[in-house]
Protein backbone atom coordinates (compact mmCIF):
# COMPACT_ATOMS: atom_id res chain seq x y z
CA MET A 1 -21.38 2.02 0.63
CA ARG A 2 -17.70 2.38 1.42
CA HIS A 3 -14.78 3.29 -0.81
CA PHE A 4 -11.13 2.46 -0.09
CA LEU A 5 -9.38 5.67 -1.10
CA TRP A 6 -6.90 5.96 1.77
CA LEU A 7 -6.41 4.59 5.27
CA ILE A 8 -7.50 7.90 6.78
CA ASP A 9 -11.12 6.75 6.40
CA TYR A 10 -10.60 3.45 8.25
CA SER A 11 -10.53 2.60 11.96
CA LYS A 12 -8.20 0.09 13.60
CA LYS A 13 -11.19 -2.25 14.00
CA GLU A 14 -12.06 -2.06 10.30
CA ILE A 15 -8.46 -2.62 9.21
CA LYS A 16 -8.33 -5.69 11.44
CA GLU A 17 -11.59 -6.99 9.95
CA ILE A 18 -10.10 -6.74 6.44
CA ILE A 19 -6.85 -8.43 7.50
CA ASP A 20 -8.70 -11.22 9.32
CA LEU A 21 -10.74 -11.88 6.17
CA ALA A 22 -7.55 -11.85 4.10
CA PHE A 23 -5.97 -14.52 6.29
CA ILE A 24 -9.06 -16.73 6.07
CA ILE A 25 -9.13 -16.44 2.28
CA LYS A 26 -5.35 -16.97 2.02
CA LYS A 27 -5.62 -20.21 4.02
CA GLU A 28 -8.42 -21.39 1.74
CA THR A 29 -6.43 -20.42 -1.36
CA LYS A 30 -3.39 -22.38 -0.19
CA ALA A 31 -5.68 -25.41 0.25
CA ARG A 32 -7.00 -24.85 -3.31
CA ILE A 33 -10.41 -23.96 -1.93
CA PHE A 34 -11.94 -21.15 -3.96
CA LYS A 35 -15.21 -20.05 -2.44
CA PRO A 36 -17.29 -17.81 -4.74
CA TYR A 37 -17.49 -14.91 -2.29
CA LEU A 38 -18.03 -12.52 -5.19
CA LYS A 39 -19.82 -14.77 -7.67
CA ASN A 40 -20.62 -12.94 -10.92
CA TYR A 41 -19.11 -9.67 -9.60
CA GLN A 42 -17.59 -7.45 -12.25
CA LEU A 43 -14.46 -5.50 -11.27
CA ALA A 44 -13.38 -2.67 -13.57
CA MET A 45 -9.63 -2.08 -13.30
CA ILE A 46 -8.65 1.36 -14.60
CA PHE A 47 -4.91 1.90 -15.13
CA GLU A 48 -3.64 5.39 -15.91
CA LYS A 49 -0.28 4.19 -14.52
CA SER A 50 1.31 0.91 -15.56
CA SER A 51 1.70 -1.93 -13.09
CA THR A 52 2.79 -5.53 -12.60
CA ARG A 53 1.67 -6.54 -9.10
CA THR A 54 -1.48 -4.41 -9.00
CA ARG A 55 -2.91 -5.76 -12.24
CA VAL A 56 -2.05 -9.42 -11.65
CA SER A 57 -3.18 -9.44 -8.00
CA PHE A 58 -6.54 -7.77 -8.67
CA GLU A 59 -7.30 -9.74 -11.83
CA VAL A 60 -6.36 -13.11 -10.32
CA GLY A 61 -8.03 -12.12 -7.07
CA ILE A 62 -11.45 -11.29 -8.49
CA ASN A 63 -11.35 -14.44 -10.67
CA GLN A 64 -10.56 -16.64 -7.66
CA LEU A 65 -13.47 -15.03 -5.80
CA GLY A 66 -15.87 -16.06 -8.57
CA GLY A 67 -16.02 -12.74 -10.40
CA ASN A 68 -14.49 -11.20 -13.49
CA GLY A 69 -11.89 -8.49 -13.97
CA ILE A 70 -12.03 -5.99 -16.84
CA PHE A 71 -8.71 -4.29 -17.63
CA LEU A 72 -9.05 -0.71 -18.87
CA SER A 73 -6.01 1.42 -19.70
CA SER A 74 -6.31 5.13 -20.48
CA ARG A 75 -5.91 4.12 -24.15
CA ASP A 76 -8.99 1.89 -23.93
CA ILE A 77 -11.52 4.35 -22.52
CA GLN A 78 -12.70 7.87 -23.24
CA LEU A 79 -11.11 9.13 -20.01
CA GLY A 80 -7.83 9.11 -21.89
CA ARG A 81 -9.35 11.35 -24.58
CA GLY A 82 -10.64 14.04 -22.27
CA GLU A 83 -14.02 12.76 -21.08
CA PRO A 84 -14.79 14.27 -17.66
CA ILE A 85 -13.99 11.92 -14.78
CA LYS A 86 -17.50 12.27 -13.38
CA ASP A 87 -19.04 11.08 -16.66
CA THR A 88 -16.72 8.08 -16.87
CA ALA A 89 -17.54 7.24 -13.26
CA ARG A 90 -21.29 7.41 -13.86
CA VAL A 91 -21.08 5.16 -16.91
CA ILE A 92 -18.67 2.51 -15.66
CA SER A 93 -20.23 2.26 -12.19
CA SER A 94 -23.62 1.61 -13.77
CA MET A 95 -22.25 -1.56 -15.40
CA VAL A 96 -19.91 -3.09 -12.82
CA ASP A 97 -19.97 -3.94 -9.11
CA MET A 98 -16.63 -2.47 -8.05
CA VAL A 99 -13.87 -0.28 -9.51
CA MET A 100 -10.13 -0.24 -8.88
CA ILE A 101 -8.17 2.78 -10.12
CA ARG A 102 -4.41 3.29 -10.39
CA THR A 103 -3.88 6.93 -11.24
CA PHE A 104 -1.88 10.09 -10.60
CA GLY A 105 -3.45 12.72 -8.34
CA GLN A 106 -5.58 11.69 -5.36
CA GLU A 107 -8.12 14.27 -6.50
CA ARG A 108 -8.84 12.23 -9.66
CA LEU A 109 -9.61 9.20 -7.54
CA ALA A 110 -11.77 11.23 -5.14
CA GLU A 111 -13.81 12.74 -7.98
CA PHE A 112 -14.40 9.32 -9.52
CA ALA A 113 -15.58 7.96 -6.17
CA LYS A 114 -17.89 10.95 -5.66
CA TYR A 115 -19.87 10.06 -8.79
CA SER A 116 -19.57 6.27 -8.57
CA LYS A 117 -22.52 4.06 -7.65
CA VAL A 118 -20.21 1.24 -6.52
CA PRO A 119 -17.16 0.93 -4.22
CA VAL A 120 -13.93 2.42 -5.55
CA ILE A 121 -10.50 1.10 -4.52
CA ASN A 122 -7.25 3.06 -4.68
CA GLY A 123 -4.75 0.90 -6.57
CA LEU A 124 -2.15 3.68 -6.16
CA THR A 125 -2.02 7.45 -6.43
CA ASP A 126 0.86 9.88 -6.11
CA LEU A 127 -0.31 10.56 -2.54
CA CYS A 128 -0.82 7.07 -1.11
CA HIS A 129 -0.79 3.33 -1.74
CA PRO A 130 -3.13 1.80 0.87
CA VAL A 131 -3.55 -1.66 -0.69
CA GLN A 132 0.21 -2.17 -0.48
CA LEU A 133 0.11 -1.38 3.24
CA LEU A 134 -2.53 -4.07 3.79
CA ALA A 135 -0.10 -6.59 2.25
CA ASP A 136 2.77 -5.22 4.33
CA LEU A 137 0.70 -5.53 7.49
CA MET A 138 -0.17 -9.15 6.68
CA THR A 139 3.52 -9.89 6.20
CA MET A 140 4.49 -8.26 9.49
CA ILE A 141 1.91 -10.41 11.29
CA GLU A 142 3.12 -13.60 9.57
CA PHE A 143 6.71 -12.90 10.63
CA LYS A 144 5.49 -12.11 14.17
CA LYS A 145 6.48 -8.45 13.93
CA PHE A 146 3.04 -7.06 14.72
CA ASP A 147 0.17 -7.91 17.04
CA PHE A 148 -3.06 -5.91 17.06
CA GLU A 149 -3.25 -6.39 20.83
CA ASN A 150 0.28 -5.10 21.48
CA PRO A 151 1.10 -2.57 18.74
CA LYS A 152 3.61 -0.66 20.87
CA LYS A 153 5.97 -3.64 20.74
CA THR A 154 6.61 -2.90 17.05
CA THR A 155 8.95 -0.28 15.64
CA VAL A 156 9.10 0.24 11.88
CA ALA A 157 11.82 2.26 10.15
CA TYR A 158 11.05 3.71 6.73
CA ILE A 159 14.13 4.98 4.87
CA GLY A 160 14.00 7.08 1.71
CA ASP A 161 11.63 9.30 -0.22
CA GLY A 162 8.64 10.90 1.51
CA ASN A 163 6.39 9.52 -1.22
CA ASN A 164 3.07 7.66 -1.36
CA MET A 165 4.54 4.69 0.52
CA ALA A 166 5.93 6.88 3.31
CA ASN A 167 2.60 8.72 3.56
CA SER A 168 0.76 5.40 3.83
CA TRP A 169 3.09 4.04 6.51
CA VAL A 170 2.54 7.18 8.58
CA ILE A 171 -1.25 6.83 8.45
CA LEU A 172 -1.15 3.09 9.19
CA ALA A 173 1.06 3.63 12.24
CA SER A 174 -1.15 6.44 13.51
CA LYS A 175 -4.25 4.25 13.17
CA LEU A 176 -2.84 1.03 14.66
CA GLY A 177 -0.54 2.49 17.30
CA PHE A 178 2.87 1.06 16.41
CA ASN A 179 6.04 3.16 16.48
CA LEU A 180 7.41 4.53 13.23
CA ASN A 181 10.62 6.32 12.33
CA ILE A 182 10.57 8.07 8.96
CA ALA A 183 13.99 9.11 7.65
CA THR A 184 14.05 11.23 4.49
CA PRO A 185 16.64 13.59 2.99
CA LYS A 186 15.92 17.26 3.61
CA GLY A 187 13.48 18.51 1.02
CA TYR A 188 11.89 15.07 0.56
CA GLU A 189 9.61 15.00 3.61
CA ILE A 190 6.12 13.48 3.61
CA ASP A 191 2.98 15.39 2.67
CA GLU A 192 2.06 18.02 5.30
CA PHE A 193 -1.65 17.17 5.31
CA ILE A 194 -0.83 13.50 5.89
CA LYS A 195 1.53 14.48 8.69
CA GLU A 196 -1.13 16.60 10.39
CA LYS A 197 -3.74 13.83 10.18
CA ALA A 198 -1.28 11.24 11.51
CA LEU A 199 -0.41 13.38 14.51
CA GLU A 200 -4.14 13.81 15.16
CA PHE A 201 -4.83 10.06 15.02
CA SER A 202 -1.77 9.30 17.14
CA LYS A 203 -3.31 11.08 20.11
CA GLU A 204 -5.81 8.23 20.35
CA SER A 205 -3.64 5.31 19.23
CA LYS A 206 -0.55 6.43 21.21
CA ALA A 207 1.66 5.80 18.19
CA GLU A 208 5.09 7.41 18.38
CA ILE A 209 6.05 8.76 14.97
CA LYS A 210 9.41 10.42 14.45
CA PHE A 211 10.32 12.43 11.36
CA LEU A 212 14.08 12.30 10.90
CA HIS A 213 16.85 13.01 8.40
CA ASP A 214 19.30 10.43 9.76
CA PRO A 215 18.67 6.86 8.53
CA ARG A 216 20.98 5.42 11.18
CA GLU A 217 18.94 6.95 13.96
CA ALA A 218 15.72 5.72 12.36
CA VAL A 219 16.85 2.10 11.98
CA LYS A 220 18.26 1.66 15.48
CA ASN A 221 16.49 -1.27 17.22
CA ALA A 222 13.77 -1.46 14.54
CA ASP A 223 11.73 -4.65 14.09
CA VAL A 224 10.92 -3.84 10.46
CA VAL A 225 12.98 -1.85 7.97
CA THR A 226 11.39 -0.76 4.71
CA THR A 227 12.12 1.48 1.76
CA ASP A 228 10.95 2.32 -1.75
CA THR A 229 12.44 3.45 -5.04
CA TRP A 230 14.06 6.86 -5.05
CA VAL A 231 12.69 7.61 -8.54
CA SER A 232 8.96 6.92 -8.87
CA MET A 233 6.97 6.88 -12.12
CA GLY A 234 6.88 10.37 -13.58
CA GLN A 235 10.12 11.46 -11.89
CA GLU A 236 12.56 10.05 -14.43
CA ASP A 237 13.82 13.51 -15.38
CA GLU A 238 14.90 14.01 -11.75
CA LYS A 239 16.87 10.75 -11.57
CA GLU A 240 20.40 12.13 -11.44
CA LYS A 241 19.53 14.79 -8.86
CA ARG A 242 17.63 12.30 -6.70
CA ILE A 243 20.45 9.75 -6.71
CA LYS A 244 22.80 12.48 -5.50
CA ASP A 245 20.37 13.76 -2.85
CA PHE A 246 19.71 10.25 -1.49
CA GLN A 247 23.35 9.33 -0.89
CA GLY A 248 23.61 7.70 2.54
CA PHE A 249 20.00 6.44 2.44
CA GLN A 250 20.67 3.04 0.89
CA VAL A 251 19.57 0.15 3.09
CA ASP A 252 22.78 -1.89 3.12
CA LYS A 253 24.35 -4.40 5.51
CA GLU A 254 25.79 -1.68 7.70
CA LEU A 255 22.45 0.08 8.10
CA MET A 256 20.53 -3.17 8.69
CA SER A 257 23.02 -4.13 11.40
CA LEU A 258 21.62 -1.30 13.53
CA ALA A 259 18.16 -2.86 13.55
CA LYS A 260 17.25 -5.79 15.78
CA LYS A 261 19.03 -9.04 14.89
CA ASP A 262 15.78 -10.66 13.77
CA ALA A 263 14.47 -7.59 11.94
CA ILE A 264 12.73 -8.15 8.62
CA PHE A 265 13.12 -6.03 5.49
CA LEU A 266 10.19 -5.09 3.26
CA HIS A 267 10.06 -3.51 -0.20
CA CYS A 268 6.92 -2.90 -2.28
CA LEU A 269 8.85 -3.52 -5.53
CA PRO A 270 10.15 -2.95 -8.09
CA ALA A 271 13.51 -2.72 -6.31
CA TYR A 272 16.57 -1.08 -7.81
CA ARG A 273 19.59 -2.80 -6.30
CA GLY A 274 22.49 -0.49 -5.72
CA TYR A 275 20.22 2.48 -5.12
CA GLU A 276 17.64 2.27 -2.29
CA VAL A 277 18.76 -1.25 -1.27
CA SER A 278 21.96 -3.23 -1.68
CA GLU A 279 21.98 -6.54 -3.54
CA ASP A 280 23.06 -8.54 -0.48
CA VAL A 281 20.35 -7.10 1.80
CA PHE A 282 17.69 -7.70 -0.84
CA GLU A 283 18.69 -11.34 -1.39
CA GLU A 284 19.11 -12.03 2.32
CA HIS A 285 15.53 -10.86 2.89
CA ALA A 286 14.01 -12.17 -0.35
CA LYS A 287 11.67 -14.49 1.57
CA GLU A 288 9.97 -11.57 3.31
CA ILE A 289 9.90 -9.40 0.20
CA PHE A 290 8.27 -11.96 -2.07
CA GLN A 291 5.87 -13.13 0.61
CA GLU A 292 4.91 -9.46 0.90
CA ALA A 293 4.38 -9.33 -2.89
CA GLU A 294 2.19 -12.45 -2.83
CA ASN A 295 0.16 -10.96 0.02
CA ARG A 296 -1.07 -8.26 -2.36
CA LEU A 297 -3.31 -10.98 -3.81
CA HIS A 298 -4.70 -12.12 -0.46
CA ALA A 299 -5.02 -8.67 1.13
CA GLN A 300 -6.94 -7.32 -1.84
CA LYS A 301 -9.24 -10.33 -1.90
CA GLY A 302 -10.01 -9.67 1.75
CA LEU A 303 -10.62 -6.01 0.97
CA MET A 304 -12.96 -6.70 -1.95
CA VAL A 305 -15.00 -9.19 0.08
CA TRP A 306 -15.17 -6.74 3.01
CA LEU A 307 -16.38 -3.92 0.75
CA ALA A 308 -19.02 -6.16 -0.80
CA LYS A 309 -20.25 -7.25 2.63
CA TRP A 310 -20.45 -3.61 3.75
CA GLN A 311 -22.43 -2.69 0.64
CA ASN A 312 -24.89 -5.52 1.28
CA ARG A 313 -25.51 -4.71 4.93
């Protein structure tokens, strides 16, 4: 049995297998062909953090695969009233075939997986957001900005907070071997453990990862430019300070002009125009952004089918 808690646990070959499956299923979906890959599967979807894209993509995804999604907020289950995570995991995993959790600390997810009898998927934690990176990777491939056979031809620039998205980009680059420039304000760097693991993986993949504080240097000649909100859920009381600290890190026309002429822009959404991205850059690259959002559905379908196949080996 395999869980999908973070990309650290996955090889380049396994990531490619998931993406290949996602593309097959996406093609079928576009042709209105819905094969029951997961017929009668029950997916429990536990949300301790609210969501738009994560809930819709997983619920629609499992339904299109022939299964059923069960939405569970912290208000709906005993976990929200203090029941130990391990007890909740034992109970829920005895009744369903797969669990997706969107929660706070990575340790909560890890404990649930430890006691679960079925695969557990990370729908987002404060540390990482691996399902989003699968969608981003699909989008890069569709716009011809990444090739598994020639990863060194790709340079990605991430501008902004060293948050769960930045952490996930670093691990993905270190696994696949593309070049990545991470530009964060001082004091907002990525997680040190993630950085250490990425540098370790990069020795094999030959990825070049640069940790910078100058967004202009990071974006220069990039094929892909990406960012995320400066104020994530749970950080609302820091909003004013963060906006001040992130001055100069907005992805605007001037900054995008330093990337390659045909560079694409990605954003995991929700986007706050006028903060991490300007209105004109967002609208100019809306095609990429909303294709990326749609790819959450297809990437997660590929992931769920892959996990089920692994479990049935």
